[in-house]
N, C-alpha and C. Protein backbone atom coordinates (compact mmCIF):
# COMPACT_ATOMS: atom_id res chain seq x y z
N UNK A 1 0.83 -1.20 0.00
CA UNK A 1 0.00 0.00 0.00
C UNK A 1 0.87 1.25 0.00
N UNK A 2 2.01 1.18 0.69
CA UNK A 2 2.89 2.33 0.75
C UNK A 2 3.49 2.62 -0.63
N UNK A 3 3.86 1.57 -1.36
CA UNK A 3 4.42 1.77 -2.69
C UNK A 3 3.36 2.32 -3.65
N UNK A 4 2.10 1.93 -3.47
CA UNK A 4 1.02 2.45 -4.30
C UNK A 4 0.88 3.96 -4.11
N UNK A 5 0.99 4.42 -2.88
CA UNK A 5 0.89 5.86 -2.62
C UNK A 5 2.07 6.61 -3.23
N UNK A 6 3.23 6.00 -3.19
CA UNK A 6 4.41 6.64 -3.78
C UNK A 6 4.24 6.75 -5.30
N UNK A 7 3.81 5.66 -5.94
CA UNK A 7 3.59 5.68 -7.39
C UNK A 7 2.49 6.66 -7.77
N UNK A 8 1.45 6.71 -6.98
CA UNK A 8 0.36 7.63 -7.25
C UNK A 8 0.82 9.08 -7.12
N UNK A 9 1.60 9.36 -6.09
CA UNK A 9 2.10 10.74 -5.92
C UNK A 9 3.08 11.10 -7.03
N UNK A 10 3.89 10.16 -7.49
CA UNK A 10 4.81 10.43 -8.61
C UNK A 10 4.03 10.67 -9.90
N UNK A 11 2.95 9.94 -10.09
CA UNK A 11 2.11 10.13 -11.26
C UNK A 11 1.46 11.51 -11.26
N UNK A 12 0.93 11.91 -10.13
CA UNK A 12 0.30 13.23 -10.02
C UNK A 12 1.33 14.33 -10.22
N UNK A 13 2.50 14.15 -9.66
CA UNK A 13 3.58 15.14 -9.80
C UNK A 13 4.02 15.27 -11.25
N UNK A 14 4.18 14.15 -11.94
CA UNK A 14 4.61 14.20 -13.34
C UNK A 14 3.51 14.76 -14.24
N UNK A 15 2.25 14.48 -13.93
CA UNK A 15 1.15 15.02 -14.72
C UNK A 15 1.04 16.53 -14.55
N UNK A 16 1.39 17.04 -13.40
CA UNK A 16 1.35 18.49 -13.19
C UNK A 16 2.38 19.20 -14.07
N UNK A 17 3.52 18.58 -14.32
CA UNK A 17 4.52 19.18 -15.20
C UNK A 17 4.14 19.05 -16.66
N UNK A 18 3.48 17.98 -17.03
CA UNK A 18 3.08 17.80 -18.43
C UNK A 18 1.94 18.73 -18.81
N UNK A 19 1.19 19.20 -17.85
CA UNK A 19 0.08 20.08 -18.17
C UNK A 19 0.52 21.53 -18.35
N UNK A 20 1.76 21.85 -18.01
CA UNK A 20 2.26 23.22 -18.18
C UNK A 20 2.54 23.48 -19.65
N UNK A 21 2.22 24.68 -20.09
CA UNK A 21 2.44 25.05 -21.48
C UNK A 21 3.11 26.41 -21.52
N UNK A 22 4.14 26.53 -22.35
CA UNK A 22 4.86 27.77 -22.48
C UNK A 22 4.53 28.36 -23.84
N UNK A 23 4.10 29.62 -23.85
CA UNK A 23 3.77 30.30 -25.09
C UNK A 23 4.67 31.51 -25.26
N UNK A 24 5.24 31.62 -26.44
CA UNK A 24 6.05 32.80 -26.75
C UNK A 24 5.57 33.37 -28.06
N UNK A 25 5.61 34.69 -28.16
CA UNK A 25 5.24 35.35 -29.41
C UNK A 25 6.40 36.23 -29.84
N UNK A 26 6.56 36.32 -31.13
CA UNK A 26 7.62 37.14 -31.70
C UNK A 26 7.01 38.18 -32.64
N UNK A 27 6.30 39.12 -32.08
CA UNK A 27 5.68 40.17 -32.88
C UNK A 27 6.62 41.36 -32.97
N UNK A 28 6.80 41.88 -34.16
CA UNK A 28 7.67 43.04 -34.32
C UNK A 28 7.03 44.30 -33.72
N UNK A 29 5.74 44.46 -33.92
CA UNK A 29 5.05 45.64 -33.40
C UNK A 29 3.76 45.26 -32.69
N UNK A 30 3.77 44.13 -32.02
CA UNK A 30 2.58 43.66 -31.31
C UNK A 30 2.38 44.39 -30.00
N UNK A 31 1.28 44.13 -29.37
CA UNK A 31 0.96 44.75 -28.09
C UNK A 31 1.89 44.16 -27.03
N UNK A 32 2.54 45.02 -26.27
CA UNK A 32 3.41 44.57 -25.21
C UNK A 32 4.83 44.26 -25.64
N UNK A 33 5.12 44.36 -26.92
CA UNK A 33 6.48 44.10 -27.37
C UNK A 33 7.18 45.42 -27.64
N UNK A 34 8.48 45.43 -27.50
CA UNK A 34 9.25 46.63 -27.75
C UNK A 34 9.56 46.72 -29.23
N UNK A 35 9.27 47.87 -29.83
CA UNK A 35 9.62 48.08 -31.23
C UNK A 35 10.98 48.74 -31.30
N UNK A 36 11.62 48.60 -32.43
CA UNK A 36 12.95 49.17 -32.58
C UNK A 36 12.82 50.67 -32.86
N UNK A 37 13.82 51.46 -32.52
CA UNK A 37 13.77 52.91 -32.76
C UNK A 37 13.72 53.21 -34.27
N UNK A 38 13.16 54.37 -34.64
CA UNK A 38 13.04 54.71 -36.06
C UNK A 38 14.39 54.72 -36.80
N UNK A 39 15.43 55.19 -36.15
CA UNK A 39 16.74 55.23 -36.80
C UNK A 39 17.28 53.84 -37.10
N UNK A 40 17.03 52.91 -36.18
CA UNK A 40 17.49 51.54 -36.39
C UNK A 40 16.67 50.86 -37.50
N UNK A 41 15.37 51.14 -37.55
CA UNK A 41 14.52 50.60 -38.62
C UNK A 41 14.98 51.13 -39.97
N UNK A 42 15.37 52.40 -40.02
CA UNK A 42 15.87 53.01 -41.25
C UNK A 42 17.11 52.27 -41.74
N UNK A 43 18.01 51.93 -40.82
CA UNK A 43 19.21 51.20 -41.19
C UNK A 43 18.87 49.79 -41.69
N UNK A 44 17.92 49.13 -41.03
CA UNK A 44 17.57 47.77 -41.41
C UNK A 44 16.95 47.70 -42.80
N UNK A 45 16.11 48.68 -43.13
CA UNK A 45 15.41 48.66 -44.41
C UNK A 45 16.15 49.42 -45.51
N UNK A 46 17.22 50.13 -45.15
CA UNK A 46 18.04 50.81 -46.15
C UNK A 46 17.41 52.04 -46.76
N UNK A 47 16.50 52.69 -46.06
CA UNK A 47 15.90 53.91 -46.59
C UNK A 47 16.72 55.12 -46.16
N UNK A 48 16.45 56.26 -46.80
CA UNK A 48 17.21 57.47 -46.49
C UNK A 48 16.63 58.25 -45.33
N UNK A 49 15.35 58.07 -45.05
CA UNK A 49 14.69 58.85 -44.00
C UNK A 49 14.07 57.92 -42.97
N UNK A 50 14.10 58.35 -41.71
CA UNK A 50 13.48 57.58 -40.63
C UNK A 50 12.05 58.04 -40.38
N UNK A 51 11.59 59.03 -41.12
CA UNK A 51 10.26 59.59 -40.90
C UNK A 51 9.13 58.56 -41.03
N UNK A 52 9.16 57.65 -42.00
CA UNK A 52 8.06 56.67 -42.09
C UNK A 52 7.99 55.70 -40.91
N UNK A 53 9.08 55.54 -40.18
CA UNK A 53 9.12 54.60 -39.07
C UNK A 53 8.79 55.24 -37.73
N UNK A 54 8.73 56.56 -37.67
CA UNK A 54 8.41 57.28 -36.44
C UNK A 54 6.89 57.36 -36.30
N UNK A 55 6.29 56.88 -35.22
CA UNK A 55 4.84 56.86 -35.10
C UNK A 55 4.20 58.24 -35.07
N UNK A 56 4.87 59.24 -34.59
CA UNK A 56 4.30 60.58 -34.52
C UNK A 56 4.45 61.36 -35.80
N UNK A 57 5.20 60.84 -36.77
CA UNK A 57 5.49 61.58 -37.98
C UNK A 57 4.68 61.09 -39.18
N UNK A 58 3.81 60.11 -38.98
CA UNK A 58 3.01 59.62 -40.11
C UNK A 58 1.87 60.57 -40.43
N UNK A 59 1.65 60.81 -41.70
CA UNK A 59 0.56 61.70 -42.12
C UNK A 59 -0.55 60.91 -42.74
């Protein structure tokens, strides 16, 4: 009976770890993620002006 309790507790313990799920998101401009500065975006895309990448400068 003692070994049954040990096996049962090990089963419950292992099932608790298998039920955990890790989620990661890789959004460039998603909610809660840090976006890169306009100057760095300009360098990455090879444009001459950083104005299109600045959120306050869009018309």
